[in-house]
Amino acid sequence: MSADRRNLTIGIATLVALLLAAIVPNYRRGAASLSHPDPVGPTAYSKSAIGHRAFRRLLDQVGVPTSTSESGSGGYVSGDDVLVVAEPRTDDGTLADARAMLTARNVLLVLPKRTGSPDRDRPYWLADDKLLSDDSIARVLHLADENATLIREASLTGLTGDSALLGSPAIEKPQLIRSRVLRPLLASPDGILIGERRTRTGRIVVLSDPDLIANFNLIRGDNAVLAVNLVEYLRTGHPDGDVIFDEFTHGFSERPFHLLGILFQFPFVLVTIQMGFATGLLVWAATARFGTPTPPSSPLEAGKRSLIDNATRLLAQSGRSPELSERYFEEMVRDTGRRLRAPSGLDLTALLAWLARAPGPPQAPIGLGTPQAPTGSSTPQAPIGLSTPQAPTGSGTPQAPTGSSTPQAPIGSSTPVAPTGSGTPQALTGSSTPVGSTAPQHIWKWRKELLGESGTYAQLD
């Protein structure tokens, strides 16, 4: 794996680990949000403290038929039904839908009061709650009366109202309203708890404080009795009607469940973002670059040739090629002299002179025959009965063997001899190879012709 791909893999793994660390603690809460957009909100599905599930079950137990709707618009409500729009969201789109729902025949509008967040360990439980702002609550109140005002932390002392609404509510720090349009059904000197308004299409009953029907407060005082009486008051003359809890205003929808929708809901939208980011990185890494691709480096080959090639490259980079060439040439000259049985102790100049006097292969003396190389060897041997010429002590000039003042070539031999009176070896008649600059080529010739190295010249030149 290349370094770039390894770094990319490490980066993706790190991002996934961070993502899991953020999602896993909230997984249950996220799963709850898939089935209920607001699992702890003021809905008929919610089991949290501020939910209305207990109120709906109470109506079922007393024989009042209930149902929920996620369709919106209120067009599905018949004349005998009671539509409960309890604590709708306060955004413009939701309020526009809620306004259309208020045209139904019998509507119970419950003003919002609180909002909360779910517990991390128990996603359907409320972890904490806070009061909504006065402006948010007033936006819902103005659907029924544009001039009504909200009263916080009022008192229920001296509560009076319609005889049909029997019971004494138990609400801590009640939330009341003041309105000239709403007729008080249950009110105190500080404001209206339950008010009614008649319209051309029907009637709207406004409950100012949702704590009356909230799960945590329904069993206190006469709240349960008063809540049931309020619904029965709305069903007067319509005993066969259902009580319909609208959940469209809480974010529910009749759109079918689909995986694509999950990918864009929190917290799963984080996974979608990470997948898109990782895909972009992979595409970027796989995209061809501009220009000619860089050729891949050749793999190292095993063997002597590879070792020699690598050594040659290193020496060429070091800039010592001339020095190496000189030493190589000197070693080849001495090796040639050794293999041709040149006199020992000659320096390079004398050895070159000795080699220059031998332009052709040596011939055996008369009557001794041609010297043969031993089996398996191509190295020429000296003739039988002749000793190897030795250089005299202190002299680099090759001398003839003992018993002879002048080296003589056998009859029919072209072996050169030094002329009389000359201390410096010179090429004899019949030799065209001079000593000096052409000596390297002469060395290759000797190695090729006398030593039988047929490929040496081509490989070493």
Protein backbone atom coordinates (compact mmCIF):
# COMPACT_ATOMS: atom_id res chain seq x y z
CA MET A 1 0.00 0.00 0.00
CA SER A 2 1.40 3.41 -0.97
CA ALA A 3 2.02 6.13 1.60
CA ASP A 4 -0.82 8.29 0.23
CA ARG A 5 -3.37 5.51 0.42
CA ARG A 6 -2.17 4.52 3.89
CA ASN A 7 -2.60 8.11 5.11
CA LEU A 8 -6.03 8.28 3.50
CA THR A 9 -7.10 5.06 5.22
CA ILE A 10 -5.85 6.30 8.59
CA GLY A 11 -7.71 9.58 8.14
CA ILE A 12 -10.99 7.88 7.26
CA ALA A 13 -10.66 5.49 10.21
CA THR A 14 -10.05 8.42 12.55
CA LEU A 15 -13.10 10.30 11.26
CA VAL A 16 -15.29 7.21 11.61
CA ALA A 17 -14.09 6.70 15.19
CA LEU A 18 -14.89 10.31 16.07
CA LEU A 19 -18.29 9.96 14.41
CA LEU A 20 -19.11 6.82 16.38
CA ALA A 21 -18.04 8.52 19.59
CA ALA A 22 -20.55 11.27 18.87
CA ILE A 23 -23.40 9.05 17.69
CA VAL A 24 -23.36 5.97 19.93
CA PRO A 25 -24.34 7.79 23.15
CA ASN A 26 -27.28 9.34 21.28
CA TYR A 27 -28.26 6.27 19.25
CA ARG A 28 -31.36 5.45 21.24
CA ARG A 29 -32.43 9.04 21.18
CA GLY A 30 -31.90 9.11 17.41
CA ALA A 31 -33.89 5.90 16.97
CA ALA A 32 -36.72 7.39 18.98
CA SER A 33 -36.67 10.46 16.77
CA LEU A 34 -37.21 8.29 13.69
CA SER A 35 -40.56 7.03 14.96
CA HIS A 36 -41.49 10.29 16.74
CA PRO A 37 -40.03 13.60 15.56
CA ASP A 38 -40.43 14.97 19.10
CA PRO A 39 -40.42 11.97 21.48
CA VAL A 40 -40.57 14.11 24.63
CA GLY A 41 -42.67 16.96 23.26
CA PRO A 42 -46.30 17.83 24.02
CA THR A 43 -47.83 15.18 21.75
CA ALA A 44 -50.45 12.45 22.19
CA TYR A 45 -47.63 9.89 21.69
CA SER A 46 -45.29 11.33 24.31
CA LYS A 47 -44.79 9.62 27.68
CA SER A 48 -42.64 12.45 29.00
CA ALA A 49 -43.75 14.80 31.78
CA ILE A 50 -45.07 17.41 29.34
CA GLY A 51 -46.70 14.92 26.94
CA HIS A 52 -50.43 14.23 26.48
CA ARG A 53 -50.50 10.47 26.27
CA ALA A 54 -52.12 10.08 29.70
CA PHE A 55 -54.88 12.52 28.73
CA ARG A 56 -55.71 10.51 25.61
CA ARG A 57 -55.75 7.21 27.52
CA LEU A 58 -57.99 8.81 30.14
CA LEU A 59 -60.53 9.72 27.45
CA ASP A 60 -60.39 6.15 26.10
CA GLN A 61 -61.05 4.77 29.57
CA VAL A 62 -64.13 6.95 30.08
CA GLY A 63 -65.58 5.89 26.74
CA VAL A 64 -64.62 8.85 24.58
CA PRO A 65 -63.30 7.60 21.18
CA THR A 66 -59.97 9.14 20.26
CA SER A 67 -57.61 9.06 17.31
CA THR A 68 -54.60 10.89 15.96
CA SER A 69 -54.07 12.58 12.63
CA GLU A 70 -50.90 13.48 10.76
CA SER A 71 -52.60 14.87 7.65
CA GLY A 72 -52.90 18.55 8.49
CA SER A 73 -55.32 21.18 7.11
CA GLY A 74 -58.25 19.95 9.26
CA GLY A 75 -60.25 18.98 6.16
CA TYR A 76 -60.60 15.40 7.46
CA VAL A 77 -62.60 16.49 10.54
CA SER A 78 -66.36 15.92 10.38
CA GLY A 79 -68.94 18.14 12.00
CA ASP A 80 -69.34 15.83 15.00
CA ASP A 81 -65.64 15.48 15.77
CA VAL A 82 -63.58 17.51 18.19
CA LEU A 83 -60.14 18.56 16.89
CA VAL A 84 -57.47 19.03 19.54
CA VAL A 85 -54.58 21.29 18.44
CA ALA A 86 -52.39 21.08 21.51
CA GLU A 87 -49.25 23.22 21.83
CA PRO A 88 -48.36 23.51 18.13
CA ARG A 89 -44.93 24.60 16.98
CA THR A 90 -44.49 28.32 16.57
CA ASP A 91 -42.79 28.54 13.15
CA ASP A 92 -44.60 30.31 10.31
CA GLY A 93 -45.36 27.16 8.33
CA THR A 94 -46.90 25.33 11.29
CA LEU A 95 -48.93 28.36 12.32
CA ALA A 96 -50.35 28.66 8.79
CA ASP A 97 -51.52 25.03 8.98
CA ALA A 98 -52.93 25.58 12.48
CA ARG A 99 -54.87 28.60 11.26
CA ALA A 100 -56.55 26.44 8.61
CA MET A 101 -57.41 23.82 11.23
CA LEU A 102 -59.25 26.41 13.36
CA THR A 103 -61.97 26.51 10.71
CA ALA A 104 -63.23 23.08 11.87
CA ARG A 105 -66.58 22.79 13.67
CA ASN A 106 -65.25 22.14 17.19
CA VAL A 107 -61.63 22.97 18.03
CA LEU A 108 -59.73 22.83 21.31
CA LEU A 109 -56.62 25.04 21.04
CA VAL A 110 -54.09 24.47 23.82
CA LEU A 111 -51.43 27.18 24.14
CA PRO A 112 -47.80 26.07 24.46
CA LYS A 113 -45.86 26.67 27.67
CA ARG A 114 -42.70 24.57 27.84
CA THR A 115 -40.14 22.80 25.73
CA GLY A 116 -37.71 20.09 26.79
CA SER A 117 -34.90 17.77 25.71
CA PRO A 118 -34.81 13.96 26.06
CA ASP A 119 -32.72 12.07 28.58
CA ARG A 120 -29.62 10.42 27.10
CA ASP A 121 -30.19 7.08 28.83
CA ARG A 122 -34.00 7.09 28.54
CA PRO A 123 -34.90 8.78 25.26
CA TYR A 124 -38.64 8.94 25.98
CA TRP A 125 -38.08 10.69 29.29
CA LEU A 126 -37.60 14.39 29.81
CA ALA A 127 -34.12 15.42 30.90
CA ASP A 128 -34.88 19.12 31.41
CA ASP A 129 -37.43 21.70 30.36
CA LYS A 130 -37.72 25.44 30.07
CA LEU A 131 -40.50 27.97 29.58
CA LEU A 132 -41.09 29.32 26.13
CA SER A 133 -40.81 33.04 25.53
CA ASP A 134 -43.90 35.23 25.75
CA ASP A 135 -43.59 36.13 22.06
CA SER A 136 -43.65 32.46 20.99
CA ILE A 137 -46.78 31.74 23.02
CA ALA A 138 -48.44 34.95 21.85
CA ARG A 139 -48.05 33.89 18.20
CA VAL A 140 -50.30 30.88 18.88
CA LEU A 141 -52.71 32.91 21.03
CA HIS A 142 -53.20 35.45 18.23
CA LEU A 143 -54.64 32.72 16.02
CA ALA A 144 -57.76 32.98 18.19
CA ASP A 145 -57.57 36.65 19.19
CA GLU A 146 -55.05 39.05 17.68
CA ASN A 147 -55.40 41.47 20.61
CA ALA A 148 -55.21 38.98 23.48
CA THR A 149 -52.38 39.21 26.01
CA LEU A 150 -50.57 36.61 28.10
CA ILE A 151 -50.31 36.67 31.89
CA ARG A 152 -47.51 34.67 33.56
CA GLU A 153 -47.49 33.45 37.20
CA ALA A 154 -51.07 34.52 37.78
CA SER A 155 -53.34 33.26 40.57
CA LEU A 156 -56.37 30.95 40.37
CA THR A 157 -57.85 32.33 43.55
CA GLY A 158 -61.51 33.22 43.11
CA LEU A 159 -61.90 30.99 40.06
CA THR A 160 -65.38 31.07 38.52
CA GLY A 161 -66.89 29.68 35.36
CA ASP A 162 -69.50 27.68 33.50
CA SER A 163 -71.42 25.11 35.52
CA ALA A 164 -70.49 22.39 33.01
CA LEU A 165 -66.84 22.73 33.94
CA LEU A 166 -66.86 21.42 37.47
CA GLY A 167 -63.64 20.94 39.38
CA SER A 168 -60.85 22.91 40.99
CA PRO A 169 -57.63 22.87 38.90
CA ALA A 170 -54.24 22.41 40.59
CA ILE A 171 -51.64 24.33 38.57
CA GLU A 172 -48.44 25.83 39.92
CA LYS A 173 -47.74 29.30 38.54
CA PRO A 174 -50.63 29.20 36.09
CA GLN A 175 -50.50 30.85 32.68
CA LEU A 176 -53.61 32.91 31.94
CA ILE A 177 -54.79 35.25 29.17
CA ARG A 178 -56.76 38.46 28.88
CA SER A 179 -59.08 38.94 25.94
CA ARG A 180 -62.15 40.91 25.01
CA VAL A 181 -63.08 38.47 22.29
CA LEU A 182 -62.99 35.21 24.23
CA ARG A 183 -65.85 34.43 26.53
CA PRO A 184 -64.55 33.13 29.88
CA LEU A 185 -65.58 29.57 30.64
CA LEU A 186 -63.23 29.33 33.63
CA ALA A 187 -61.40 32.41 34.88
CA SER A 188 -59.99 34.21 37.91
CA PRO A 189 -59.61 37.93 38.54
CA ASP A 190 -56.11 37.70 37.01
CA GLY A 191 -57.20 36.22 33.69
CA ILE A 192 -58.90 33.49 31.68
CA LEU A 193 -57.90 29.82 32.02
CA ILE A 194 -60.49 28.52 29.50
CA GLY A 195 -62.17 30.83 26.99
CA GLU A 196 -64.47 30.35 24.01
CA ARG A 197 -64.95 32.13 20.74
CA ARG A 198 -67.73 31.58 18.24
CA THR A 199 -66.93 31.91 14.53
CA ARG A 200 -68.89 31.57 11.30
CA THR A 201 -67.77 27.98 10.86
CA GLY A 202 -67.87 26.77 14.46
CA ARG A 203 -66.30 27.48 17.81
CA ILE A 204 -62.81 27.63 19.25
CA VAL A 205 -62.12 26.84 22.89
CA VAL A 206 -58.74 28.05 24.15
CA LEU A 207 -56.96 26.39 27.12
CA SER A 208 -54.34 28.88 28.29
CA ASP A 209 -52.28 26.53 30.50
CA PRO A 210 -51.35 23.05 29.13
CA ASP A 211 -50.35 21.84 32.62
CA LEU A 212 -54.00 20.94 33.11
CA ILE A 213 -53.68 17.98 30.69
CA ALA A 214 -49.91 17.28 30.94
CA ASN A 215 -48.81 13.80 32.03
CA PHE A 216 -47.03 15.03 35.17
CA ASN A 217 -49.98 17.11 36.40
CA LEU A 218 -53.09 15.28 35.24
CA ILE A 219 -53.56 13.36 38.52
CA ARG A 220 -53.28 16.44 40.73
CA GLY A 221 -56.35 18.06 42.19
CA ASP A 222 -59.39 17.94 39.94
CA ASN A 223 -57.36 18.31 36.76
CA ALA A 224 -58.45 14.95 35.28
CA VAL A 225 -62.11 15.68 36.03
CA LEU A 226 -61.90 19.17 34.59
CA ALA A 227 -60.12 17.91 31.45
CA VAL A 228 -62.78 15.27 30.75
CA ASN A 229 -65.59 17.80 31.38
CA LEU A 230 -63.96 20.20 28.92
CA VAL A 231 -64.00 17.56 26.17
CA GLU A 232 -67.58 16.61 26.97
CA TYR A 233 -68.55 20.27 26.77
CA LEU A 234 -67.15 20.40 23.22
CA ARG A 235 -68.98 17.16 22.31
CA THR A 236 -72.34 18.47 23.48
CA GLY A 237 -74.92 17.57 20.88
CA HIS A 238 -72.44 15.35 19.06
CA PRO A 239 -72.05 12.19 21.18
CA ASP A 240 -70.90 10.05 18.23
CA GLY A 241 -67.96 12.25 17.30
CA ASP A 242 -64.30 11.37 17.87
CA VAL A 243 -61.69 13.40 19.63
CA ILE A 244 -58.88 13.81 17.10
CA PHE A 245 -55.43 14.80 18.30
CA ASP A 246 -53.61 16.60 15.51
CA GLU A 247 -49.92 15.68 15.33
CA PHE A 248 -49.13 17.36 12.03
CA THR A 249 -48.37 20.56 13.94
CA HIS A 250 -45.71 18.62 15.91
CA GLY A 251 -43.76 17.58 12.82
CA PHE A 252 -45.44 14.25 12.03
CA SER A 253 -46.28 13.38 8.45
CA GLU A 254 -48.02 10.65 6.51
CA ARG A 255 -45.08 10.29 4.15
CA PRO A 256 -43.95 6.65 4.06
CA PHE A 257 -40.86 5.61 5.94
CA HIS A 258 -37.83 5.35 3.64
CA LEU A 259 -34.11 4.90 4.08
CA LEU A 260 -33.20 8.02 2.11
CA GLY A 261 -35.11 10.12 4.58
CA ILE A 262 -33.18 8.61 7.49
CA LEU A 263 -29.87 9.57 5.90
CA PHE A 264 -30.80 13.25 6.19
CA GLN A 265 -32.10 13.17 9.76
CA PHE A 266 -29.97 13.86 12.78
CA PRO A 267 -27.84 12.14 13.95
CA PHE A 268 -27.65 9.96 10.82
CA VAL A 269 -27.04 12.98 8.63
CA LEU A 270 -23.53 13.02 10.15
CA VAL A 271 -22.93 9.58 8.64
CA THR A 272 -24.14 10.87 5.27
CA ILE A 273 -21.73 13.80 5.45
CA GLN A 274 -18.84 11.52 6.35
CA MET A 275 -19.66 9.10 3.53
CA GLY A 276 -19.76 11.95 1.05
CA PHE A 277 -16.45 13.30 2.34
CA ALA A 278 -14.77 9.89 2.15
CA THR A 279 -16.14 9.29 -1.35
CA GLY A 280 -14.79 12.63 -2.48
CA LEU A 281 -11.33 11.79 -1.13
CA LEU A 282 -11.33 8.42 -2.87
CA VAL A 283 -12.40 9.96 -6.18
CA TRP A 284 -9.73 12.61 -5.82
CA ALA A 285 -7.06 10.00 -5.08
CA ALA A 286 -8.13 7.87 -8.06
CA THR A 287 -8.34 10.76 -10.54
CA ALA A 288 -5.61 10.77 -13.20
CA ARG A 289 -3.10 13.59 -12.87
CA PHE A 290 -2.17 15.93 -15.69
CA GLY A 291 0.88 15.15 -17.83
CA THR A 292 2.78 11.98 -18.62
CA PRO A 293 2.65 9.41 -15.83
CA THR A 294 5.88 8.85 -13.98
CA PRO A 295 7.33 5.50 -15.08
CA PRO A 296 7.61 3.00 -12.27
CA SER A 297 11.08 2.26 -11.00
CA SER A 298 12.53 -1.01 -12.25
CA PRO A 299 12.81 -3.74 -9.63
CA LEU A 300 16.24 -4.81 -8.44
CA GLU A 301 17.45 -7.93 -10.19
CA ALA A 302 19.55 -10.58 -8.47
CA GLY A 303 22.87 -11.74 -9.86
CA LYS A 304 26.35 -10.48 -10.73
CA ARG A 305 25.21 -8.23 -13.56
CA SER A 306 22.86 -6.30 -11.26
CA LEU A 307 25.60 -5.97 -8.64
CA ILE A 308 28.08 -4.69 -11.24
CA ASP A 309 25.53 -2.24 -12.69
CA ASN A 310 24.74 -0.81 -9.27
CA ALA A 311 28.42 -0.51 -8.39
CA THR A 312 29.05 1.24 -11.71
CA ARG A 313 26.27 3.77 -11.04
CA LEU A 314 27.65 4.52 -7.58
CA LEU A 315 31.16 5.02 -8.93
CA ALA A 316 29.88 7.22 -11.76
CA GLN A 317 28.03 9.40 -9.23
CA SER A 318 31.16 9.69 -7.07
CA GLY A 319 33.14 11.14 -10.00
CA ARG A 320 36.08 8.70 -9.65
CA SER A 321 35.74 7.00 -13.05
CA PRO A 322 39.21 8.11 -14.35
CA GLU A 323 40.99 6.78 -11.27
CA LEU A 324 39.03 3.53 -11.48
CA SER A 325 39.84 3.15 -15.19
CA GLU A 326 43.54 3.57 -14.54
CA ARG A 327 43.59 0.94 -11.83
CA TYR A 328 41.45 -1.40 -13.88
CA PHE A 329 43.80 -1.08 -16.86
CA GLU A 330 46.87 -1.67 -14.66
CA GLU A 331 45.28 -4.78 -13.15
CA MET A 332 44.39 -6.16 -16.58
CA VAL A 333 47.99 -5.60 -17.79
CA ARG A 334 49.44 -7.43 -14.81
CA ASP A 335 46.90 -10.25 -15.15
CA THR A 336 47.80 -10.62 -18.84
CA GLY A 337 51.50 -10.71 -17.96
CA ARG A 338 50.96 -13.34 -15.30
CA ARG A 339 48.96 -15.54 -17.62
CA LEU A 340 51.60 -15.18 -20.39
CA ARG A 341 54.41 -15.94 -17.90
CA ALA A 342 56.08 -12.56 -18.09
CA PRO A 343 59.20 -12.08 -15.90
CA SER A 344 58.30 -11.23 -12.33
CA GLY A 345 59.19 -7.93 -10.71
CA LEU A 346 58.50 -5.78 -13.79
CA ASP A 347 56.88 -2.44 -13.26
CA LEU A 348 53.99 -1.34 -15.46
CA THR A 349 56.17 0.35 -18.09
CA ALA A 350 58.55 -2.61 -18.42
CA LEU A 351 55.62 -5.06 -18.48
CA LEU A 352 53.97 -3.10 -21.29
CA ALA A 353 57.30 -3.18 -23.19
CA TRP A 354 57.59 -6.94 -22.67
CA LEU A 355 54.03 -7.49 -23.91
CA ALA A 356 54.65 -5.20 -26.91
CA ARG A 357 57.46 -7.56 -28.12
CA ALA A 358 55.04 -10.43 -28.50
CA PRO A 359 52.71 -9.55 -31.43
CA GLY A 360 51.71 -13.17 -32.05
CA PRO A 361 51.37 -16.48 -30.19
CA PRO A 362 54.79 -18.01 -29.17
CA GLN A 363 56.02 -21.02 -31.11
CA ALA A 364 57.75 -24.09 -29.70
CA PRO A 365 61.52 -24.60 -30.47
CA ILE A 366 62.59 -27.07 -33.23
CA GLY A 367 62.29 -30.67 -32.16
CA LEU A 368 60.26 -29.93 -29.03
CA GLY A 369 56.86 -29.63 -30.64
CA THR A 370 54.12 -27.15 -29.94
CA PRO A 371 53.32 -26.61 -26.26
CA GLN A 372 49.88 -27.83 -25.27
CA ALA A 373 47.67 -26.44 -22.57
CA PRO A 374 46.56 -28.88 -19.93
CA THR A 375 43.09 -30.37 -20.28
CA GLY A 376 40.37 -27.79 -19.44
CA SER A 377 42.80 -24.82 -19.57
CA SER A 378 43.30 -22.26 -22.31
CA THR A 379 46.46 -20.78 -20.77
CA PRO A 380 49.55 -21.31 -22.95
CA GLN A 381 52.49 -23.02 -21.26
CA ALA A 382 56.21 -22.50 -21.78
CA PRO A 383 57.97 -25.03 -24.14
CA ILE A 384 59.51 -28.09 -22.56
CA GLY A 385 63.08 -27.59 -21.54
CA LEU A 386 62.89 -23.78 -21.51
CA SER A 387 62.85 -21.73 -18.37
CA THR A 388 60.81 -18.58 -17.87
CA PRO A 389 62.83 -15.41 -18.57
CA GLN A 390 63.68 -13.55 -15.36
CA ALA A 391 64.64 -9.94 -14.93
CA PRO A 392 68.11 -9.35 -13.41
CA THR A 393 68.31 -7.85 -9.94
CA GLY A 394 67.88 -4.09 -9.99
CA SER A 395 66.85 -3.93 -13.60
CA GLY A 396 63.40 -3.56 -15.07
CA THR A 397 64.63 -4.65 -18.50
CA PRO A 398 63.70 -8.21 -19.40
CA GLN A 399 66.72 -10.50 -19.98
CA ALA A 400 67.15 -13.72 -21.86
CA PRO A 401 67.30 -16.98 -19.92
CA THR A 402 70.58 -18.30 -18.52
CA GLY A 403 72.87 -19.76 -21.14
CA SER A 404 71.78 -17.38 -23.81
CA SER A 405 72.99 -13.83 -24.40
CA THR A 406 70.31 -13.03 -26.86
CA PRO A 407 66.85 -14.51 -26.88
CA GLN A 408 66.26 -16.32 -30.14
CA ALA A 409 62.99 -17.31 -31.60
CA PRO A 410 62.66 -20.89 -32.89
CA ILE A 411 62.84 -21.48 -36.64
CA GLY A 412 59.59 -20.35 -38.21
CA SER A 413 58.62 -18.27 -35.20
CA SER A 414 57.79 -14.57 -35.34
CA THR A 415 58.51 -13.96 -31.71
CA PRO A 416 60.30 -10.59 -31.39
CA VAL A 417 63.73 -10.17 -29.78
CA ALA A 418 65.43 -7.06 -28.48
CA PRO A 419 68.12 -5.64 -30.83
CA THR A 420 71.77 -5.81 -29.74
CA GLY A 421 72.94 -2.83 -27.76
CA SER A 422 69.51 -1.58 -26.81
CA GLY A 423 68.43 -1.46 -23.20
CA THR A 424 64.91 -0.37 -24.00
CA PRO A 425 62.54 -2.90 -25.52
CA GLN A 426 61.29 -1.89 -28.91
CA ALA A 427 58.89 -3.48 -31.33
CA LEU A 428 60.79 -5.67 -33.78
CA THR A 429 60.35 -6.17 -37.50
CA GLY A 430 56.96 -7.67 -38.12
CA SER A 431 55.32 -5.99 -35.10
CA SER A 432 53.04 -3.06 -35.78
CA THR A 433 51.94 -2.45 -32.19
CA PRO A 434 53.79 0.48 -30.56
CA VAL A 435 54.27 1.00 -26.85
CA GLY A 436 52.25 3.89 -25.35
CA SER A 437 48.79 5.08 -26.22
CA THR A 438 47.86 1.98 -28.23
CA ALA A 439 48.89 -0.43 -25.46
CA PRO A 440 45.30 -0.98 -24.16
CA GLN A 441 44.12 -2.22 -27.55
CA HIS A 442 47.18 -4.50 -27.67
CA ILE A 443 46.25 -5.93 -24.27
CA TRP A 444 42.75 -6.77 -25.45
CA LYS A 445 44.27 -8.39 -28.55
CA TRP A 446 46.54 -10.58 -26.45
CA ARG A 447 43.73 -11.63 -24.14
CA LYS A 448 41.56 -12.47 -27.10
CA GLU A 449 44.08 -14.29 -29.28
CA LEU A 450 46.53 -15.85 -26.81
CA LEU A 451 44.32 -16.49 -23.77
CA GLY A 452 41.29 -17.68 -25.72
CA GLU A 453 38.87 -15.13 -24.18
CA SER A 454 36.60 -14.77 -27.13
CA GLY A 455 34.15 -12.42 -25.36
CA THR A 456 36.64 -10.48 -23.27
CA TYR A 457 37.31 -7.78 -25.82
CA ALA A 458 33.65 -6.94 -26.41
CA GLN A 459 32.74 -6.98 -22.73
CA LEU A 460 35.68 -5.01 -21.35
CA ASP A 461 36.42 -2.47 -24.05
